Amino acid sequence: MSKRIMTVDDSASIRQMVSFTLKEAGYEAVEAVDGKDALAKLNGTPINMIITDLNMPNLDGIGLIKGVRANPSYKYIPIVMLTTESQDSKKMEGKQAGATGWIIKPFKPEQLLAVIKKVIG
């Protein structure tokens, strides 16, 4: 069975690009438009990894990470931030919330897949 990865971004084009990259590499992709949508879609669904934007309406990436980490079923799944933010303070905030890694947009598909392979194989 292929590994399922959730991509969370308020930009439809970024979601589509990430989903396309994942599907091409043999992963299953689940899309969410923001942190609130992502938490609703998790709801017991088996997920192997989450790739999330930082700046989103309703619930941002940090809020999403905290919400995921608070759920015992998802406490240990890898969460990678995919964002335009590159300041160390933001990275530190992400790490403290429980982010596994950080990728700066724009990203290359190979770069994204390399991180995924490193994190979940």
PDB file of N, CA and C in Angstrom:
ATOM      1  N   MET A   1       0.842  -1.195   0.000  1.00  0.00           N
ATOM      2  CA  MET A   1       0.000   0.000   0.000  1.00  0.00           C
ATOM      3  C   MET A   1       0.880   1.249   0.000  1.00  0.00           C
ATOM      4  N   SER A   2       0.502   2.237  -0.797  1.00  0.00           N
ATOM      5  CA  SER A   2       1.331   3.440  -0.870  1.00  0.00           C
ATOM      6  C   SER A   2       1.141   4.293   0.380  1.00  0.00           C
ATOM      7  N   LYS A   3       2.175   5.045   0.704  1.00  0.00           N
ATOM      8  CA  LYS A   3       2.106   5.916   1.873  1.00  0.00           C
ATOM      9  C   LYS A   3       1.273   7.141   1.539  1.00  0.00           C
ATOM     10  N   ARG A   4       0.485   7.572   2.517  1.00  0.00           N
ATOM     11  CA  ARG A   4      -0.438   8.697   2.324  1.00  0.00           C
ATOM     12  C   ARG A   4       0.136   9.953   2.970  1.00  0.00           C
ATOM     13  N   ILE A   5       0.209  11.017   2.171  1.00  0.00           N
ATOM     14  CA  ILE A   5       0.765  12.282   2.640  1.00  0.00           C
ATOM     15  C   ILE A   5      -0.281  13.378   2.462  1.00  0.00           C
ATOM     16  N   MET A   6      -0.490  14.161   3.517  1.00  0.00           N
ATOM     17  CA  MET A   6      -1.435  15.272   3.434  1.00  0.00           C
ATOM     18  C   MET A   6      -0.668  16.544   3.107  1.00  0.00           C
ATOM     19  N   THR A   7      -1.158  17.277   2.117  1.00  0.00           N
ATOM     20  CA  THR A   7      -0.576  18.577   1.783  1.00  0.00           C
ATOM     21  C   THR A   7      -1.579  19.672   2.157  1.00  0.00           C
ATOM     22  N   VAL A   8      -1.117  20.636   2.954  1.00  0.00           N
ATOM     23  CA  VAL A   8      -1.996  21.682   3.473  1.00  0.00           C
ATOM     24  C   VAL A   8      -1.467  23.044   3.026  1.00  0.00           C
ATOM     25  N   ASP A   9      -2.247  23.725   2.185  1.00  0.00           N
ATOM     26  CA  ASP A   9      -1.835  25.038   1.695  1.00  0.00           C
ATOM     27  C   ASP A   9      -3.072  25.769   1.198  1.00  0.00           C
ATOM     28  N   ASP A  10      -3.155  27.078   1.463  1.00  0.00           N
ATOM     29  CA  ASP A  10      -4.311  27.838   0.986  1.00  0.00           C
ATOM     30  C   ASP A  10      -4.177  28.180  -0.497  1.00  0.00           C
ATOM     31  N   SER A  11      -3.031  27.914  -1.095  1.00  0.00           N
ATOM     32  CA  SER A  11      -2.838  28.144  -2.528  1.00  0.00           C
ATOM     33  C   SER A  11      -3.138  26.857  -3.303  1.00  0.00           C
ATOM     34  N   ALA A  12      -4.175  26.909  -4.154  1.00  0.00           N
ATOM     35  CA  ALA A  12      -4.564  25.729  -4.938  1.00  0.00           C
ATOM     36  C   ALA A  12      -3.427  25.270  -5.844  1.00  0.00           C
ATOM     37  N   SER A  13      -2.680  26.217  -6.419  1.00  0.00           N
ATOM     38  CA  SER A  13      -1.602  25.827  -7.331  1.00  0.00           C
ATOM     39  C   SER A  13      -0.479  25.095  -6.598  1.00  0.00           C
ATOM     40  N   ILE A  14      -0.158  25.528  -5.387  1.00  0.00           N
ATOM     41  CA  ILE A  14       0.873  24.828  -4.591  1.00  0.00           C
ATOM     42  C   ILE A  14       0.369  23.428  -4.228  1.00  0.00           C
ATOM     43  N   ARG A  15      -0.886  23.333  -3.772  1.00  0.00           N
ATOM     44  CA  ARG A  15      -1.450  22.010  -3.429  1.00  0.00           C
ATOM     45  C   ARG A  15      -1.379  21.072  -4.627  1.00  0.00           C
ATOM     46  N   GLN A  16      -1.771  21.584  -5.797  1.00  0.00           N
ATOM     47  CA  GLN A  16      -1.761  20.747  -7.007  1.00  0.00           C
ATOM     48  C   GLN A  16      -0.346  20.321  -7.363  1.00  0.00           C
ATOM     49  N   MET A  17       0.617  21.239  -7.253  1.00  0.00           N
ATOM     50  CA  MET A  17       1.993  20.914  -7.593  1.00  0.00           C
ATOM     51  C   MET A  17       2.562  19.861  -6.631  1.00  0.00           C
ATOM     52  N   VAL A  18       2.287  20.019  -5.338  1.00  0.00           N
ATOM     53  CA  VAL A  18       2.759  19.045  -4.351  1.00  0.00           C
ATOM     54  C   VAL A  18       2.077  17.695  -4.594  1.00  0.00           C
ATOM     55  N   SER A  19       0.762  17.703  -4.787  1.00  0.00           N
ATOM     56  CA  SER A  19       0.021  16.455  -5.030  1.00  0.00           C
ATOM     57  C   SER A  19       0.533  15.737  -6.267  1.00  0.00           C
ATOM     58  N   PHE A  20       0.773  16.493  -7.334  1.00  0.00           N
ATOM     59  CA  PHE A  20       1.274  15.912  -8.579  1.00  0.00           C
ATOM     60  C   PHE A  20       2.640  15.256  -8.340  1.00  0.00           C
ATOM     61  N   THR A  21       3.518  15.978  -7.635  1.00  0.00           N
ATOM     62  CA  THR A  21       4.854  15.459  -7.326  1.00  0.00           C
ATOM     63  C   THR A  21       4.748  14.173  -6.510  1.00  0.00           C
ATOM     64  N   LEU A  22       3.855  14.171  -5.515  1.00  0.00           N
ATOM     65  CA  LEU A  22       3.681  12.985  -4.662  1.00  0.00           C
ATOM     66  C   LEU A  22       3.158  11.799  -5.468  1.00  0.00           C
ATOM     67  N   LYS A  23       2.125  12.036  -6.267  1.00  0.00           N
ATOM     68  CA  LYS A  23       1.499  10.956  -7.045  1.00  0.00           C
ATOM     69  C   LYS A  23       2.473  10.373  -8.064  1.00  0.00           C
ATOM     70  N   GLU A  24       3.265  11.249  -8.699  1.00  0.00           N
ATOM     71  CA  GLU A  24       4.265  10.792  -9.666  1.00  0.00           C
ATOM     72  C   GLU A  24       5.281   9.860  -9.006  1.00  0.00           C
ATOM     73  N   ALA A  25       5.550  10.101  -7.713  1.00  0.00           N
ATOM     74  CA  ALA A  25       6.536   9.303  -6.980  1.00  0.00           C
ATOM     75  C   ALA A  25       5.898   8.078  -6.307  1.00  0.00           C
ATOM     76  N   GLY A  26       4.597   7.890  -6.519  1.00  0.00           N
ATOM     77  CA  GLY A  26       3.931   6.704  -5.983  1.00  0.00           C
ATOM     78  C   GLY A  26       3.278   6.863  -4.620  1.00  0.00           C
ATOM     79  N   TYR A  27       3.188   8.100  -4.136  1.00  0.00           N
ATOM     80  CA  TYR A  27       2.517   8.351  -2.858  1.00  0.00           C
ATOM     81  C   TYR A  27       1.054   8.696  -3.111  1.00  0.00           C
ATOM     82  N   GLU A  28       0.245   8.530  -2.079  1.00  0.00           N
ATOM     83  CA  GLU A  28      -1.149   8.950  -2.156  1.00  0.00           C
ATOM     84  C   GLU A  28      -1.216  10.343  -1.532  1.00  0.00           C
ATOM     85  N   ALA A  29      -1.934  11.280  -2.166  1.00  0.00           N
ATOM     86  CA  ALA A  29      -1.993  12.653  -1.657  1.00  0.00           C
ATOM     87  C   ALA A  29      -3.396  12.998  -1.170  1.00  0.00           C
ATOM     88  N   VAL A  30      -3.459  13.641  -0.010  1.00  0.00           N
ATOM     89  CA  VAL A  30      -4.712  14.157   0.539  1.00  0.00           C
ATOM     90  C   VAL A  30      -4.514  15.663   0.650  1.00  0.00           C
ATOM     91  N   GLU A  31      -5.446  16.452   0.115  1.00  0.00           N
ATOM     92  CA  GLU A  31      -5.288  17.904   0.132  1.00  0.00           C
ATOM     93  C   GLU A  31      -6.208  18.561   1.167  1.00  0.00           C
ATOM     94  N   ALA A  32      -5.687  19.614   1.805  1.00  0.00           N
ATOM     95  CA  ALA A  32      -6.491  20.420   2.726  1.00  0.00           C
ATOM     96  C   ALA A  32      -6.171  21.888   2.459  1.00  0.00           C
ATOM     97  N   VAL A  33      -7.185  22.760   2.592  1.00  0.00           N
ATOM     98  CA  VAL A  33      -7.007  24.174   2.247  1.00  0.00           C
ATOM     99  C   VAL A  33      -6.424  25.036   3.371  1.00  0.00           C
ATOM    100  N   ASP A  34      -6.495  24.553   4.608  1.00  0.00           N
ATOM    101  CA  ASP A  34      -5.891  25.260   5.744  1.00  0.00           C
ATOM    102  C   ASP A  34      -5.818  24.299   6.928  1.00  0.00           C
ATOM    103  N   GLY A  35      -5.293  24.786   8.044  1.00  0.00           N
ATOM    104  CA  GLY A  35      -5.116  23.920   9.212  1.00  0.00           C
ATOM    105  C   GLY A  35      -6.414  23.342   9.739  1.00  0.00           C
ATOM    106  N   LYS A  36      -7.466  24.148   9.719  1.00  0.00           N
ATOM    107  CA  LYS A  36      -8.769  23.698  10.219  1.00  0.00           C
ATOM    108  C   LYS A  36      -9.301  22.549   9.356  1.00  0.00           C
ATOM    109  N   ASP A  37      -9.205  22.699   8.044  1.00  0.00           N
ATOM    110  CA  ASP A  37      -9.626  21.675   7.090  1.00  0.00           C
ATOM    111  C   ASP A  37      -8.781  20.402   7.284  1.00  0.00           C
ATOM    112  N   ALA A  38      -7.476  20.590   7.491  1.00  0.00           N
ATOM    113  CA  ALA A  38      -6.567  19.448   7.679  1.00  0.00           C
ATOM    114  C   ALA A  38      -6.947  18.645   8.917  1.00  0.00           C
ATOM    115  N   LEU A  39      -7.202  19.337  10.034  1.00  0.00           N
ATOM    116  CA  LEU A  39      -7.574  18.630  11.269  1.00  0.00           C
ATOM    117  C   LEU A  39      -8.889  17.876  11.087  1.00  0.00           C
ATOM    118  N   ALA A  40      -9.838  18.479  10.363  1.00  0.00           N
ATOM    119  CA  ALA A  40     -11.124  17.823  10.101  1.00  0.00           C
ATOM    120  C   ALA A  40     -10.926  16.580   9.236  1.00  0.00           C
ATOM    121  N   LYS A  41     -10.036  16.664   8.249  1.00  0.00           N
ATOM    122  CA  LYS A  41      -9.801  15.540   7.347  1.00  0.00           C
ATOM    123  C   LYS A  41      -8.979  14.434   8.002  1.00  0.00           C
ATOM    124  N   LEU A  42      -8.166  14.780   8.994  1.00  0.00           N
ATOM    125  CA  LEU A  42      -7.375  13.752   9.693  1.00  0.00           C
ATOM    126  C   LEU A  42      -8.323  12.774  10.374  1.00  0.00           C
ATOM    127  N   ASN A  43      -9.074  13.282  11.340  1.00  0.00           N
ATOM    128  CA  ASN A  43     -10.153  12.550  11.997  1.00  0.00           C
ATOM    129  C   ASN A  43     -10.110  11.023  11.864  1.00  0.00           C
ATOM    130  N   GLY A  44      -9.030  10.399  12.311  1.00  0.00           N
ATOM    131  CA  GLY A  44      -8.931   8.948  12.286  1.00  0.00           C
ATOM    132  C   GLY A  44      -8.365   8.363  11.005  1.00  0.00           C
ATOM    133  N   THR A  45      -8.171   9.201   9.965  1.00  0.00           N
ATOM    134  CA  THR A  45      -7.617   8.718   8.693  1.00  0.00           C
ATOM    135  C   THR A  45      -6.138   8.413   8.862  1.00  0.00           C
ATOM    136  N   PRO A  46      -5.690   7.244   8.396  1.00  0.00           N
ATOM    137  CA  PRO A  46      -4.245   6.967   8.491  1.00  0.00           C
ATOM    138  C   PRO A  46      -3.448   7.875   7.545  1.00  0.00           C
ATOM    139  N   ILE A  47      -2.508   8.602   8.103  1.00  0.00           N
ATOM    140  CA  ILE A  47      -1.649   9.509   7.330  1.00  0.00           C
ATOM    141  C   ILE A  47      -0.210   9.213   7.750  1.00  0.00           C
ATOM    142  N   ASN A  48       0.716   9.194   6.789  1.00  0.00           N
ATOM    143  CA  ASN A  48       2.118   8.914   7.101  1.00  0.00           C
ATOM    144  C   ASN A  48       2.952  10.171   7.310  1.00  0.00           C
ATOM    145  N   MET A  49       2.465  11.308   6.745  1.00  0.00           N
ATOM    146  CA  MET A  49       3.239  12.548   6.824  1.00  0.00           C
ATOM    147  C   MET A  49       2.341  13.723   6.444  1.00  0.00           C
ATOM    148  N   ILE A  50       2.680  14.912   6.976  1.00  0.00           N
ATOM    149  CA  ILE A  50       1.959  16.138   6.614  1.00  0.00           C
ATOM    150  C   ILE A  50       2.970  17.157   6.093  1.00  0.00           C
ATOM    151  N   ILE A  51       2.623  17.802   4.971  1.00  0.00           N
ATOM    152  CA  ILE A  51       3.425  18.900   4.429  1.00  0.00           C
ATOM    153  C   ILE A  51       2.513  20.121   4.489  1.00  0.00           C
ATOM    154  N   THR A  52       2.904  21.131   5.258  1.00  0.00           N
ATOM    155  CA  THR A  52       2.008  22.271   5.469  1.00  0.00           C
ATOM    156  C   THR A  52       2.675  23.621   5.249  1.00  0.00           C
ATOM    157  N   ASP A  53       1.872  24.562   4.788  1.00  0.00           N
ATOM    158  CA  ASP A  53       2.287  25.957   4.669  1.00  0.00           C
ATOM    159  C   ASP A  53       2.266  26.553   6.078  1.00  0.00           C
ATOM    160  N   LEU A  54       2.888  27.698   6.248  1.00  0.00           N
ATOM    161  CA  LEU A  54       2.860  28.374   7.540  1.00  0.00           C
ATOM    162  C   LEU A  54       1.712  29.379   7.596  1.00  0.00           C
ATOM    163  N   ASN A  55       1.662  30.296   6.620  1.00  0.00           N
ATOM    164  CA  ASN A  55       0.669  31.367   6.634  1.00  0.00           C
ATOM    165  C   ASN A  55      -0.603  30.956   5.895  1.00  0.00           C
ATOM    166  N   MET A  56      -1.669  30.679   6.653  1.00  0.00           N
ATOM    167  CA  MET A  56      -2.958  30.284   6.072  1.00  0.00           C
ATOM    168  C   MET A  56      -4.087  30.896   6.894  1.00  0.00           C
ATOM    169  N   PRO A  57      -5.263  31.101   6.272  1.00  0.00           N
ATOM    170  CA  PRO A  57      -6.416  31.609   7.029  1.00  0.00           C
ATOM    171  C   PRO A  57      -6.970  30.523   7.968  1.00  0.00           C
ATOM    172  N   ASN A  58      -7.843  30.883   8.865  1.00  0.00           N
ATOM    173  CA  ASN A  58      -8.525  29.997   9.821  1.00  0.00           C
ATOM    174  C   ASN A  58      -7.588  29.360  10.846  1.00  0.00           C
ATOM    175  N   LEU A  59      -6.601  28.587  10.399  1.00  0.00           N
ATOM    176  CA  LEU A  59      -5.637  27.994  11.327  1.00  0.00           C
ATOM    177  C   LEU A  59      -4.320  27.879  10.581  1.00  0.00           C
ATOM    178  N   ASP A  60      -3.271  28.548  11.077  1.00  0.00           N
ATOM    179  CA  ASP A  60      -1.989  28.535  10.372  1.00  0.00           C
ATOM    180  C   ASP A  60      -1.215  27.237  10.622  1.00  0.00           C
ATOM    181  N   GLY A  61      -0.046  27.140  10.004  1.00  0.00           N
ATOM    182  CA  GLY A  61       0.763  25.923  10.112  1.00  0.00           C
ATOM    183  C   GLY A  61       1.180  25.588  11.537  1.00  0.00           C
ATOM    184  N   ILE A  62       1.525  26.599  12.322  1.00  0.00           N
ATOM    185  CA  ILE A  62       1.928  26.372  13.715  1.00  0.00           C
ATOM    186  C   ILE A  62       0.734  25.815  14.505  1.00  0.00           C
ATOM    187  N   GLY A  63      -0.433  26.418  14.315  1.00  0.00           N
ATOM    188  CA  GLY A  63      -1.655  25.952  14.986  1.00  0.00           C
ATOM    189  C   GLY A  63      -1.989  24.519  14.586  1.00  0.00           C
ATOM    190  N   LEU A  64      -1.798  24.219  13.301  1.00  0.00           N
ATOM    191  CA  LEU A  64      -2.044  22.863  12.815  1.00  0.00           C
ATOM    192  C   LEU A  64      -1.111  21.866  13.485  1.00  0.00           C
ATOM    193  N   ILE A  65       0.180  22.201  13.536  1.00  0.00           N
ATOM    194  CA  ILE A  65       1.155  21.301  14.164  1.00  0.00           C
ATOM    195  C   ILE A  65       0.760  21.036  15.615  1.00  0.00           C
ATOM    196  N   LYS A  66       0.409  22.100  16.335  1.00  0.00           N
ATOM    197  CA  LYS A  66       0.016  21.936  17.746  1.00  0.00           C
ATOM    198  C   LYS A  66      -1.216  21.044  17.857  1.00  0.00           C
ATOM    199  N   GLY A  67      -2.188  21.246  16.952  1.00  0.00           N
ATOM    200  CA  GLY A  67      -3.396  20.423  16.953  1.00  0.00           C
ATOM    201  C   GLY A  67      -3.102  18.961  16.672  1.00  0.00           C
ATOM    202  N   VAL A  68      -2.210  18.719  15.711  1.00  0.00           N
ATOM    203  CA  VAL A  68      -1.836  17.346  15.353  1.00  0.00           C
ATOM    204  C   VAL A  68      -1.081  16.696  16.513  1.00  0.00           C
ATOM    205  N   ARG A  69      -0.136  17.419  17.076  1.00  0.00           N
ATOM    206  CA  ARG A  69       0.681  16.873  18.181  1.00  0.00           C
ATOM    207  C   ARG A  69      -0.164  16.593  19.432  1.00  0.00           C
ATOM    208  N   ALA A  70      -1.289  17.287  19.568  1.00  0.00           N
ATOM    209  CA  ALA A  70      -2.169  17.077  20.726  1.00  0.00           C
ATOM    210  C   ALA A  70      -3.008  15.806  20.574  1.00  0.00           C
ATOM    211  N   ASN A  71      -3.078  15.264  19.367  1.00  0.00           N
ATOM    212  CA  ASN A  71      -3.874  14.060  19.099  1.00  0.00           C
ATOM    213  C   ASN A  71      -2.974  12.827  19.212  1.00  0.00           C
ATOM    214  N   PRO A  72      -3.249  11.930  20.178  1.00  0.00           N
ATOM    215  CA  PRO A  72      -2.391  10.764  20.386  1.00  0.00           C
ATOM    216  C   PRO A  72      -2.185   9.906  19.132  1.00  0.00           C
ATOM    217  N   SER A  73      -3.168   9.855  18.249  1.00  0.00           N
ATOM    218  CA  SER A  73      -3.050   9.042  17.028  1.00  0.00           C
ATOM    219  C   SER A  73      -2.023   9.600  16.046  1.00  0.00           C
ATOM    220  N   TYR A  74      -1.791  10.911  16.097  1.00  0.00           N
ATOM    221  CA  TYR A  74      -0.907  11.550  15.117  1.00  0.00           C
ATOM    222  C   TYR A  74       0.324  12.194  15.747  1.00  0.00           C
ATOM    223  N   LYS A  75       0.492  11.967  17.040  1.00  0.00           N
ATOM    224  CA  LYS A  75       1.537  12.631  17.806  1.00  0.00           C
ATOM    225  C   LYS A  75       2.930  12.515  17.179  1.00  0.00           C
ATOM    226  N   TYR A  76       3.214  11.361  16.568  1.00  0.00           N
ATOM    227  CA  TYR A  76       4.580  11.134  16.088  1.00  0.00           C
ATOM    228  C   TYR A  76       4.747  11.183  14.573  1.00  0.00           C
ATOM    229  N   ILE A  77       3.696  11.574  13.819  1.00  0.00           N
ATOM    230  CA  ILE A  77       3.889  11.597  12.366  1.00  0.00           C
ATOM    231  C   ILE A  77       4.735  12.807  11.979  1.00  0.00           C
ATOM    232  N   PRO A  78       5.578  12.641  10.969  1.00  0.00           N
ATOM    233  CA  PRO A  78       6.431  13.752  10.530  1.00  0.00           C
ATOM    234  C   PRO A  78       5.608  14.878   9.904  1.00  0.00           C
ATOM    235  N   ILE A  79       5.968  16.110  10.250  1.00  0.00           N
ATOM    236  CA  ILE A  79       5.316  17.290   9.676  1.00  0.00           C
ATOM    237  C   ILE A  79       6.407  18.208   9.142  1.00  0.00           C
ATOM    238  N   VAL A  80       6.350  18.476   7.836  1.00  0.00           N
ATOM    239  CA  VAL A  80       7.338  19.357   7.210  1.00  0.00           C
ATOM    240  C   VAL A  80       6.649  20.645   6.785  1.00  0.00           C
ATOM    241  N   MET A  81       7.249  21.762   7.147  1.00  0.00           N
ATOM    242  CA  MET A  81       6.738  23.071   6.745  1.00  0.00           C
ATOM    243  C   MET A  81       7.243  23.360   5.332  1.00  0.00           C
ATOM    244  N   LEU A  82       6.339  23.801   4.459  1.00  0.00           N
ATOM    245  CA  LEU A  82       6.693  24.206   3.099  1.00  0.00           C
ATOM    246  C   LEU A  82       6.205  25.640   2.974  1.00  0.00           C
ATOM    247  N   THR A  83       7.128  26.606   3.072  1.00  0.00           N
ATOM    248  CA  THR A  83       6.716  27.996   3.230  1.00  0.00           C
ATOM    249  C   THR A  83       7.716  28.973   2.615  1.00  0.00           C
ATOM    250  N   THR A  84       7.278  30.201   2.408  1.00  0.00           N
ATOM    251  CA  THR A  84       8.184  31.249   1.924  1.00  0.00           C
ATOM    252  C   THR A  84       8.982  31.840   3.082  1.00  0.00           C
ATOM    253  N   GLU A  85       8.551  31.562   4.314  1.00  0.00           N
ATOM    254  CA  GLU A  85       9.220  32.113   5.508  1.00  0.00           C
ATOM    255  C   GLU A  85      10.577  31.445   5.709  1.00  0.00           C
ATOM    256  N   SER A  86      11.627  32.247   5.864  1.00  0.00           N
ATOM    257  CA  SER A  86      12.941  31.657   6.061  1.00  0.00           C
ATOM    258  C   SER A  86      13.657  32.184   7.312  1.00  0.00           C
ATOM    259  N   GLN A  87      12.980  33.059   8.074  1.00  0.00           N
ATOM    260  CA  GLN A  87      13.624  33.607   9.273  1.00  0.00           C
ATOM    261  C   GLN A  87      13.834  32.507  10.312  1.00  0.00           C
ATOM    262  N   ASP A  88      14.959  32.589  11.003  1.00  0.00           N
ATOM    263  CA  ASP A  88      15.270  31.606  12.038  1.00  0.00           C
ATOM    264  C   ASP A  88      14.222  31.589  13.146  1.00  0.00           C
ATOM    265  N   SER A  89      13.654  32.775  13.460  1.00  0.00           N
ATOM    266  CA  SER A  89      12.657  32.835  14.533  1.00  0.00           C
ATOM    267  C   SER A  89      11.426  32.003  14.164  1.00  0.00           C
ATOM    268  N   LYS A  90      11.020  32.060  12.891  1.00  0.00           N
ATOM    269  CA  LYS A  90       9.869  31.270  12.431  1.00  0.00           C
ATOM    270  C   LYS A  90      10.206  29.782  12.463  1.00  0.00           C
ATOM    271  N   LYS A  91      11.424  29.441  12.023  1.00  0.00           N
ATOM    272  CA  LYS A  91      11.857  28.041  12.035  1.00  0.00           C
ATOM    273  C   LYS A  91      11.860  27.504  13.470  1.00  0.00           C
ATOM    274  N   MET A  92      12.346  28.339  14.391  1.00  0.00           N
ATOM    275  CA  MET A  92      12.409  27.937  15.799  1.00  0.00           C
ATOM    276  C   MET A  92      10.994  27.722  16.344  1.00  0.00           C
ATOM    277  N   GLU A  93      10.090  28.628  15.995  1.00  0.00           N
ATOM    278  CA  GLU A  93       8.693  28.511  16.430  1.00  0.00           C
ATOM    279  C   GLU A  93       8.092  27.204  15.888  1.00  0.00           C
ATOM    280  N   GLY A  94       8.385  26.896  14.631  1.00  0.00           N
ATOM    281  CA  GLY A  94       7.903  25.653  14.016  1.00  0.00           C
ATOM    282  C   GLY A  94       8.461  24.432  14.718  1.00  0.00           C
ATOM    283  N   LYS A  95       9.759  24.470  15.011  1.00  0.00           N
ATOM    284  CA  LYS A  95      10.405  23.344  15.682  1.00  0.00           C
ATOM    285  C   LYS A  95       9.832  23.135  17.086  1.00  0.00           C
ATOM    286  N   GLN A  96       9.631  24.254  17.800  1.00  0.00           N
ATOM    287  CA  GLN A  96       9.075  24.162  19.153  1.00  0.00           C
ATOM    288  C   GLN A  96       7.660  23.585  19.133  1.00  0.00           C
ATOM    289  N   ALA A  97       6.902  23.896  18.069  1.00  0.00           N
ATOM    290  CA  ALA A  97       5.542  23.375  17.957  1.00  0.00           C
ATOM    291  C   ALA A  97       5.562  21.881  17.608  1.00  0.00           C
ATOM    292  N   GLY A  98       6.682  21.427  17.013  1.00  0.00           N
ATOM    293  CA  GLY A  98       6.795  20.010  16.683  1.00  0.00           C
ATOM    294  C   GLY A  98       7.042  19.707  15.215  1.00  0.00           C
ATOM    295  N   ALA A  99       7.467  20.720  14.438  1.00  0.00           N
ATOM    296  CA  ALA A  99       7.767  20.475  13.020  1.00  0.00           C
ATOM    297  C   ALA A  99       9.003  19.591  12.894  1.00  0.00           C
ATOM    298  N   THR A 100       8.976  18.690  11.927  1.00  0.00           N
ATOM    299  CA  THR A 100      10.085  17.771  11.690  1.00  0.00           C
ATOM    300  C   THR A 100      11.138  18.412  10.793  1.00  0.00           C
ATOM    301  N   GLY A 101      10.674  19.218   9.810  1.00  0.00           N
ATOM    302  CA  GLY A 101      11.598  19.834   8.868  1.00  0.00           C
ATOM    303  C   GLY A 101      11.006  21.084   8.250  1.00  0.00           C
ATOM    304  N   TRP A 102      11.789  21.737   7.370  1.00  0.00           N
ATOM    305  CA  TRP A 102      11.420  23.034   6.814  1.00  0.00           C
ATOM    306  C   TRP A 102      11.926  23.113   5.387  1.00  0.00           C
ATOM    307  N   ILE A 103      11.051  23.405   4.436  1.00  0.00           N
ATOM    308  CA  ILE A 103      11.447  23.588   3.040  1.00  0.00           C
ATOM    309  C   ILE A 103      10.971  24.971   2.607  1.00  0.00           C
ATOM    310  N   ILE A 104      11.860  25.725   1.971  1.00  0.00           N
ATOM    311  CA  ILE A 104      11.523  27.078   1.526  1.00  0.00           C
ATOM    312  C   ILE A 104      10.939  27.035   0.103  1.00  0.00           C
ATOM    313  N   LYS A 105       9.824  27.774  -0.099  1.00  0.00           N
ATOM    314  CA  LYS A 105       9.246  27.930  -1.442  1.00  0.00           C
ATOM    315  C   LYS A 105      10.028  29.015  -2.170  1.00  0.00           C
ATOM    316  N   PRO A 106      10.149  28.979  -3.475  1.00  0.00           N
ATOM    317  CA  PRO A 106       9.718  27.881  -4.336  1.00  0.00           C
ATOM    318  C   PRO A 106      10.617  26.661  -4.145  1.00  0.00           C
ATOM    319  N   PHE A 107      10.052  25.488  -4.338  1.00  0.00           N
ATOM    320  CA  PHE A 107      10.809  24.262  -4.117  1.00  0.00           C
ATOM    321  C   PHE A 107      10.939  23.497  -5.432  1.00  0.00           C
ATOM    322  N   LYS A 108      11.942  22.639  -5.486  1.00  0.00           N
ATOM    323  CA  LYS A 108      12.095  21.756  -6.639  1.00  0.00           C
ATOM    324  C   LYS A 108      11.487  20.415  -6.247  1.00  0.00           C
ATOM    325  N   PRO A 109      10.742  19.768  -7.156  1.00  0.00           N
ATOM    326  CA  PRO A 109      10.142  18.472  -6.827  1.00  0.00           C
ATOM    327  C   PRO A 109      11.156  17.465  -6.268  1.00  0.00           C
ATOM    328  N   GLU A 110      12.369  17.447  -6.838  1.00  0.00           N
ATOM    329  CA  GLU A 110      13.393  16.502  -6.351  1.00  0.00           C
ATOM    330  C   GLU A 110      13.750  16.783  -4.888  1.00  0.00           C
ATOM    331  N   GLN A 111      13.789  18.072  -4.539  1.00  0.00           N
ATOM    332  CA  GLN A 111      14.122  18.480  -3.171  1.00  0.00           C
ATOM    333  C   GLN A 111      13.038  17.970  -2.208  1.00  0.00           C
ATOM    334  N   LEU A 112      11.783  18.159  -2.597  1.00  0.00           N
ATOM    335  CA  LEU A 112      10.659  17.710  -1.770  1.00  0.00           C
ATOM    336  C   LEU A 112      10.699  16.198  -1.594  1.00  0.00           C
ATOM    337  N   LEU A 113      10.895  15.467  -2.683  1.00  0.00           N
ATOM    338  CA  LEU A 113      10.927  14.005  -2.620  1.00  0.00           C
ATOM    339  C   LEU A 113      12.107  13.494  -1.803  1.00  0.00           C
ATOM    340  N   ALA A 114      13.242  14.188  -1.875  1.00  0.00           N
ATOM    341  CA  ALA A 114      14.410  13.794  -1.089  1.00  0.00           C
ATOM    342  C   ALA A 114      14.101  13.894   0.406  1.00  0.00           C
ATOM    343  N   VAL A 115      13.418  14.970   0.799  1.00  0.00           N
ATOM    344  CA  VAL A 115      13.037  15.138   2.199  1.00  0.00           C
ATOM    345  C   VAL A 115      12.050  14.050   2.623  1.00  0.00           C
ATOM    346  N   ILE A 116      11.058  13.774   1.773  1.00  0.00           N
ATOM    347  CA  ILE A 116      10.054  12.744   2.084  1.00  0.00           C
ATOM    348  C   ILE A 116      10.718  11.384   2.255  1.00  0.00           C
ATOM    349  N   LYS A 117      11.620  11.036   1.329  1.00  0.00           N
ATOM    350  CA  LYS A 117      12.301   9.729   1.394  1.00  0.00           C
ATOM    351  C   LYS A 117      13.126   9.620   2.666  1.00  0.00           C
ATOM    352  N   LYS A 118      13.758  10.733   3.053  1.00  0.00           N
ATOM    353  CA  LYS A 118      14.591  10.749   4.259  1.00  0.00           C
ATOM    354  C   LYS A 118      13.712  10.549   5.510  1.00  0.00           C
ATOM    355  N   VAL A 119      12.531  11.162   5.475  1.00  0.00           N
ATOM    356  CA  VAL A 119      11.666  11.151   6.657  1.00  0.00           C
ATOM    357  C   VAL A 119      10.800   9.884   6.784  1.00  0.00           C
ATOM    358  N   ILE A 120      10.192   9.437   5.666  1.00  0.00           N
ATOM    359  CA  ILE A 120       9.312   8.259   5.782  1.00  0.00           C
ATOM    360  C   ILE A 120       9.677   7.107   4.855  1.00  0.00           C
ATOM    361  N   GLY A 121      10.685   7.317   4.005  1.00  0.00           N
ATOM    362  CA  GLY A 121      11.124   6.231   3.113  1.00  0.00           C
ATOM    363  C   GLY A 121      10.298   6.072   1.869  1.00  0.00           C
TER     364      GLY A 121
END
